[in-house]
Amino acid sequence: MAADTNFFDNLIKGIKHSIHVCAPGRVVSYDAASHTADVKPLFMTADDDTLYEQPLIQDALVLKHVEPDMKVGAIVFLSFADRSLDNLTNRPFDPDSTRTHDITDAVVIGVYEL
């Protein structure tokens, strides 16, 4: 491949890997009072030729219908908000951040039965 083709292929790959949409994870801790969980993503990621685990996601929001099945060790499905959830209310709000598709804006949307 030509050098310019390699550059653009790598650029596209890097952008795709920086966008988080949905992923499986394992519940490390769950706080029923705050409806949040700390979750370890199960997908590994890579830099060049090195595989590594993704960092723990802290305080992921847990949807109400998922709560009865939430427990430490459960395998869950995470979705990541398009924008920051920091200012989430029951009214339209300004995300007040340029953060997009970030793992810190995770929401537990389901529990797997494996």
N, C-alpha and C. Protein backbone atom coordinates (compact mmCIF):
# COMPACT_ATOMS: atom_id res chain seq x y z
N MET A 1 0.82 -1.19 0.00
CA MET A 1 0.00 0.00 0.00
C MET A 1 0.86 1.25 0.00
N ALA A 2 0.32 2.25 -0.59
CA ALA A 2 1.02 3.53 -0.59
C ALA A 2 0.96 4.15 0.80
N ALA A 3 1.93 4.99 1.10
CA ALA A 3 2.02 5.61 2.42
C ALA A 3 0.76 6.43 2.74
N ASP A 4 0.23 7.14 1.75
CA ASP A 4 -0.96 7.95 2.01
C ASP A 4 -2.18 7.08 2.29
N THR A 5 -2.29 5.93 1.65
CA THR A 5 -3.39 5.01 1.91
C THR A 5 -3.27 4.44 3.33
N ASN A 6 -2.06 4.07 3.73
CA ASN A 6 -1.84 3.58 5.09
C ASN A 6 -2.22 4.63 6.12
N PHE A 7 -1.82 5.88 5.86
CA PHE A 7 -2.13 6.97 6.78
C PHE A 7 -3.63 7.09 6.99
N PHE A 8 -4.40 7.14 5.89
CA PHE A 8 -5.85 7.31 6.00
C PHE A 8 -6.52 6.08 6.58
N ASP A 9 -6.04 4.89 6.26
CA ASP A 9 -6.59 3.67 6.86
C ASP A 9 -6.40 3.68 8.37
N ASN A 10 -5.21 4.07 8.82
CA ASN A 10 -4.92 4.14 10.26
C ASN A 10 -5.72 5.24 10.94
N LEU A 11 -5.88 6.37 10.27
CA LEU A 11 -6.68 7.48 10.81
C LEU A 11 -8.13 7.04 11.00
N ILE A 12 -8.69 6.40 10.00
CA ILE A 12 -10.08 5.92 10.09
C ILE A 12 -10.22 4.88 11.19
N LYS A 13 -9.29 3.96 11.28
CA LYS A 13 -9.32 2.93 12.32
C LYS A 13 -9.26 3.57 13.71
N GLY A 14 -8.40 4.56 13.88
CA GLY A 14 -8.27 5.26 15.16
C GLY A 14 -9.55 5.97 15.56
N ILE A 15 -10.19 6.62 14.61
CA ILE A 15 -11.45 7.32 14.88
C ILE A 15 -12.52 6.32 15.28
N LYS A 16 -12.64 5.24 14.53
CA LYS A 16 -13.65 4.22 14.84
C LYS A 16 -13.44 3.63 16.23
N HIS A 17 -12.20 3.39 16.63
CA HIS A 17 -11.93 2.81 17.94
C HIS A 17 -12.13 3.80 19.08
N SER A 18 -12.21 5.08 18.78
CA SER A 18 -12.43 6.07 19.85
C SER A 18 -13.91 6.38 20.07
N ILE A 19 -14.78 5.83 19.22
CA ILE A 19 -16.22 6.05 19.35
C ILE A 19 -16.82 4.85 20.06
N HIS A 20 -17.44 5.08 21.20
CA HIS A 20 -18.06 4.00 21.97
C HIS A 20 -19.57 4.02 21.72
N VAL A 21 -20.13 2.87 21.40
CA VAL A 21 -21.57 2.78 21.12
C VAL A 21 -22.22 1.81 22.10
N CYS A 22 -21.86 0.54 22.04
CA CYS A 22 -22.40 -0.49 22.93
C CYS A 22 -21.32 -1.51 23.22
N ALA A 23 -21.37 -2.12 24.41
CA ALA A 23 -20.35 -3.11 24.76
C ALA A 23 -20.84 -3.97 25.93
N PRO A 24 -20.33 -5.20 26.02
CA PRO A 24 -20.62 -6.02 27.19
C PRO A 24 -19.67 -5.65 28.33
N GLY A 25 -20.12 -5.89 29.55
CA GLY A 25 -19.29 -5.62 30.72
C GLY A 25 -19.69 -6.52 31.88
N ARG A 26 -18.85 -6.55 32.92
CA ARG A 26 -19.12 -7.34 34.12
C ARG A 26 -19.27 -6.37 35.30
N VAL A 27 -20.34 -6.52 36.08
CA VAL A 27 -20.61 -5.64 37.21
C VAL A 27 -19.60 -5.94 38.32
N VAL A 28 -18.88 -4.90 38.75
CA VAL A 28 -17.91 -5.01 39.83
C VAL A 28 -18.56 -4.59 41.15
N SER A 29 -19.40 -3.57 41.10
CA SER A 29 -20.16 -3.15 42.27
C SER A 29 -21.45 -2.50 41.79
N TYR A 30 -22.46 -2.55 42.66
CA TYR A 30 -23.77 -1.99 42.31
C TYR A 30 -24.32 -1.26 43.53
N ASP A 31 -24.78 -0.03 43.32
CA ASP A 31 -25.37 0.78 44.39
C ASP A 31 -26.85 1.02 44.04
N ALA A 32 -27.73 0.24 44.69
CA ALA A 32 -29.15 0.33 44.40
C ALA A 32 -29.73 1.70 44.77
N ALA A 33 -29.18 2.33 45.79
CA ALA A 33 -29.69 3.63 46.23
C ALA A 33 -29.48 4.72 45.17
N SER A 34 -28.33 4.70 44.51
CA SER A 34 -28.04 5.72 43.50
C SER A 34 -28.31 5.24 42.08
N HIS A 35 -28.70 3.96 41.94
CA HIS A 35 -28.99 3.37 40.63
C HIS A 35 -27.77 3.46 39.70
N THR A 36 -26.61 3.17 40.27
CA THR A 36 -25.37 3.20 39.49
C THR A 36 -24.55 1.94 39.74
N ALA A 37 -23.68 1.63 38.80
CA ALA A 37 -22.82 0.46 38.93
C ALA A 37 -21.43 0.78 38.39
N ASP A 38 -20.44 0.12 38.98
CA ASP A 38 -19.09 0.14 38.42
C ASP A 38 -18.99 -1.11 37.56
N VAL A 39 -18.58 -0.93 36.31
CA VAL A 39 -18.60 -2.03 35.34
C VAL A 39 -17.25 -2.14 34.64
N LYS A 40 -16.76 -3.35 34.50
CA LYS A 40 -15.51 -3.63 33.78
C LYS A 40 -15.87 -4.04 32.35
N PRO A 41 -15.50 -3.23 31.35
CA PRO A 41 -15.77 -3.61 29.96
C PRO A 41 -15.06 -4.93 29.63
N LEU A 42 -15.73 -5.78 28.86
CA LEU A 42 -15.15 -7.07 28.50
C LEU A 42 -14.40 -7.02 27.17
N PHE A 43 -14.71 -6.06 26.31
CA PHE A 43 -13.94 -5.92 25.08
C PHE A 43 -12.54 -5.43 25.42
N MET A 44 -11.54 -6.08 24.86
CA MET A 44 -10.18 -5.56 24.99
C MET A 44 -9.96 -4.59 23.84
N THR A 45 -8.95 -3.77 23.96
CA THR A 45 -8.61 -2.82 22.91
C THR A 45 -7.13 -2.95 22.62
N ALA A 46 -6.67 -2.29 21.58
CA ALA A 46 -5.28 -2.46 21.17
C ALA A 46 -4.65 -1.14 20.77
N ASP A 47 -3.36 -1.04 21.05
CA ASP A 47 -2.51 0.02 20.52
C ASP A 47 -1.44 -0.69 19.72
N ASP A 48 -1.36 -0.43 18.46
CA ASP A 48 -0.43 -1.10 17.57
C ASP A 48 -0.62 -2.62 17.71
N ASP A 49 0.32 -3.32 18.29
CA ASP A 49 0.23 -4.77 18.41
C ASP A 49 -0.03 -5.25 19.83
N THR A 50 -0.37 -4.36 20.75
CA THR A 50 -0.53 -4.72 22.15
C THR A 50 -2.00 -4.68 22.55
N LEU A 51 -2.51 -5.80 23.07
CA LEU A 51 -3.86 -5.86 23.61
C LEU A 51 -3.85 -5.45 25.07
N TYR A 52 -4.87 -4.71 25.50
CA TYR A 52 -4.99 -4.38 26.91
C TYR A 52 -6.45 -4.22 27.28
N GLU A 53 -6.73 -4.38 28.58
CA GLU A 53 -8.08 -4.23 29.08
C GLU A 53 -8.44 -2.76 29.18
N GLN A 54 -9.72 -2.47 29.00
CA GLN A 54 -10.20 -1.10 29.14
C GLN A 54 -10.38 -0.78 30.63
N PRO A 55 -10.34 0.48 30.98
CA PRO A 55 -10.46 0.86 32.40
C PRO A 55 -11.88 0.62 32.93
N LEU A 56 -11.99 0.52 34.23
CA LEU A 56 -13.26 0.37 34.91
C LEU A 56 -14.14 1.59 34.64
N ILE A 57 -15.40 1.34 34.34
CA ILE A 57 -16.36 2.43 34.17
C ILE A 57 -17.05 2.62 35.51
N GLN A 58 -16.89 3.79 36.08
CA GLN A 58 -17.47 4.07 37.39
C GLN A 58 -18.79 4.81 37.27
N ASP A 59 -19.73 4.46 38.12
CA ASP A 59 -21.02 5.15 38.23
C ASP A 59 -21.82 5.15 36.94
N ALA A 60 -21.84 4.02 36.25
CA ALA A 60 -22.70 3.90 35.07
C ALA A 60 -24.15 3.90 35.54
N LEU A 61 -24.99 4.65 34.87
CA LEU A 61 -26.41 4.68 35.22
C LEU A 61 -27.03 3.32 34.91
N VAL A 62 -27.98 2.89 35.73
CA VAL A 62 -28.66 1.61 35.54
C VAL A 62 -30.14 1.89 35.29
N LEU A 63 -30.66 1.42 34.15
CA LEU A 63 -32.06 1.63 33.85
C LEU A 63 -32.95 0.83 34.80
N LYS A 64 -34.11 1.38 35.09
CA LYS A 64 -35.02 0.83 36.10
C LYS A 64 -35.37 -0.64 35.83
N HIS A 65 -35.65 -0.99 34.58
CA HIS A 65 -36.08 -2.36 34.29
C HIS A 65 -34.96 -3.39 34.49
N VAL A 66 -33.72 -2.94 34.60
CA VAL A 66 -32.57 -3.83 34.76
C VAL A 66 -32.31 -4.13 36.24
N GLU A 67 -32.71 -3.24 37.12
CA GLU A 67 -32.35 -3.32 38.53
C GLU A 67 -32.66 -4.65 39.22
N PRO A 68 -33.79 -5.31 38.94
CA PRO A 68 -34.04 -6.58 39.63
C PRO A 68 -32.98 -7.65 39.35
N ASP A 69 -32.30 -7.58 38.22
CA ASP A 69 -31.30 -8.58 37.84
C ASP A 69 -29.87 -8.14 38.12
N MET A 70 -29.69 -6.94 38.67
CA MET A 70 -28.34 -6.43 38.90
C MET A 70 -27.72 -7.08 40.13
N LYS A 71 -26.49 -7.55 39.96
CA LYS A 71 -25.71 -8.09 41.08
C LYS A 71 -24.25 -8.12 40.66
N VAL A 72 -23.38 -8.15 41.62
CA VAL A 72 -21.95 -8.22 41.34
C VAL A 72 -21.68 -9.50 40.55
N GLY A 73 -20.92 -9.37 39.47
CA GLY A 73 -20.59 -10.50 38.62
C GLY A 73 -21.51 -10.66 37.43
N ALA A 74 -22.65 -9.96 37.41
CA ALA A 74 -23.58 -10.06 36.28
C ALA A 74 -22.90 -9.52 35.01
N ILE A 75 -23.23 -10.15 33.89
CA ILE A 75 -22.74 -9.66 32.59
C ILE A 75 -23.85 -8.77 32.03
N VAL A 76 -23.50 -7.52 31.76
CA VAL A 76 -24.48 -6.53 31.33
C VAL A 76 -24.12 -5.98 29.96
N PHE A 77 -25.09 -5.32 29.36
CA PHE A 77 -24.88 -4.65 28.08
C PHE A 77 -24.93 -3.16 28.33
N LEU A 78 -23.87 -2.47 27.92
CA LEU A 78 -23.74 -1.03 28.11
C LEU A 78 -24.02 -0.28 26.82
N SER A 79 -24.66 0.85 26.95
CA SER A 79 -24.80 1.77 25.84
C SER A 79 -24.14 3.08 26.28
N PHE A 80 -23.59 3.82 25.33
CA PHE A 80 -22.88 5.06 25.64
C PHE A 80 -23.60 6.22 24.98
N ALA A 81 -23.93 7.23 25.78
CA ALA A 81 -24.71 8.37 25.29
C ALA A 81 -23.96 9.15 24.22
N ASP A 82 -24.71 9.73 23.31
CA ASP A 82 -24.12 10.56 22.26
C ASP A 82 -23.41 11.77 22.83
N ARG A 83 -23.94 12.30 23.93
CA ARG A 83 -23.36 13.49 24.57
C ARG A 83 -23.22 13.24 26.06
N SER A 84 -22.60 14.15 26.76
CA SER A 84 -22.38 14.05 28.20
C SER A 84 -23.70 13.96 28.96
N LEU A 85 -23.74 13.08 29.96
CA LEU A 85 -24.92 12.94 30.81
C LEU A 85 -24.76 13.68 32.14
N ASP A 86 -23.71 14.45 32.28
CA ASP A 86 -23.42 15.13 33.54
C ASP A 86 -24.56 16.00 34.06
N ASN A 87 -25.30 16.66 33.18
CA ASN A 87 -26.36 17.57 33.60
C ASN A 87 -27.75 17.00 33.34
N LEU A 88 -27.88 15.68 33.34
CA LEU A 88 -29.14 15.02 33.03
C LEU A 88 -30.24 15.43 34.00
N THR A 89 -31.36 15.88 33.45
CA THR A 89 -32.55 16.22 34.23
C THR A 89 -33.76 15.70 33.47
N ASN A 90 -34.96 16.01 33.97
CA ASN A 90 -36.16 15.59 33.25
C ASN A 90 -36.65 16.65 32.27
N ARG A 91 -35.80 17.61 31.97
CA ARG A 91 -36.10 18.67 31.00
C ARG A 91 -34.97 18.73 29.97
N PRO A 92 -35.23 19.33 28.81
CA PRO A 92 -34.13 19.51 27.85
C PRO A 92 -32.99 20.26 28.54
N PHE A 93 -31.76 19.83 28.27
CA PHE A 93 -30.62 20.43 28.96
C PHE A 93 -29.44 20.56 28.01
N ASP A 94 -28.56 21.49 28.36
CA ASP A 94 -27.32 21.69 27.62
C ASP A 94 -26.29 20.72 28.19
N PRO A 95 -25.76 19.80 27.38
CA PRO A 95 -24.77 18.87 27.90
C PRO A 95 -23.54 19.55 28.50
N ASP A 96 -23.31 20.82 28.14
CA ASP A 96 -22.24 21.61 28.75
C ASP A 96 -20.88 20.94 28.62
N SER A 97 -20.70 20.19 27.53
CA SER A 97 -19.44 19.50 27.32
C SER A 97 -19.33 19.14 25.84
N THR A 98 -18.12 19.01 25.38
CA THR A 98 -17.91 18.56 24.00
C THR A 98 -17.71 17.05 23.94
N ARG A 99 -17.82 16.38 25.09
CA ARG A 99 -17.61 14.94 25.18
C ARG A 99 -18.70 14.19 24.38
N THR A 100 -18.29 13.27 23.52
CA THR A 100 -19.24 12.48 22.73
C THR A 100 -18.84 11.01 22.74
N HIS A 101 -19.83 10.13 22.84
CA HIS A 101 -19.62 8.67 22.80
C HIS A 101 -18.49 8.23 23.72
N ASP A 102 -18.48 8.76 24.92
CA ASP A 102 -17.41 8.50 25.87
C ASP A 102 -17.82 7.40 26.83
N ILE A 103 -16.87 6.57 27.27
CA ILE A 103 -17.23 5.48 28.18
C ILE A 103 -17.70 5.98 29.54
N THR A 104 -17.40 7.23 29.87
CA THR A 104 -17.87 7.78 31.15
C THR A 104 -19.36 8.09 31.12
N ASP A 105 -19.97 8.03 29.95
CA ASP A 105 -21.41 8.28 29.81
C ASP A 105 -22.13 6.97 29.52
N ALA A 106 -21.77 5.94 30.28
CA ALA A 106 -22.33 4.61 30.09
C ALA A 106 -23.66 4.45 30.82
N VAL A 107 -24.52 3.65 30.21
CA VAL A 107 -25.81 3.30 30.80
C VAL A 107 -25.98 1.79 30.66
N VAL A 108 -26.30 1.12 31.78
CA VAL A 108 -26.58 -0.32 31.73
C VAL A 108 -28.00 -0.48 31.21
N ILE A 109 -28.13 -1.14 30.05
CA ILE A 109 -29.45 -1.27 29.43
C ILE A 109 -30.01 -2.69 29.48
N GLY A 110 -29.20 -3.63 29.94
CA GLY A 110 -29.69 -4.99 30.03
C GLY A 110 -28.70 -5.91 30.72
N VAL A 111 -29.20 -7.08 31.14
CA VAL A 111 -28.38 -8.11 31.76
C VAL A 111 -28.45 -9.34 30.87
N TYR A 112 -27.29 -9.91 30.56
CA TYR A 112 -27.22 -11.12 29.77
C TYR A 112 -27.52 -12.34 30.64
N GLU A 113 -28.16 -13.33 30.05
CA GLU A 113 -28.29 -14.64 30.68
C GLU A 113 -27.38 -15.58 29.94
N LEU A 114 -26.17 -15.79 30.47
CA LEU A 114 -25.20 -16.67 29.80
C LEU A 114 -25.26 -18.06 30.35
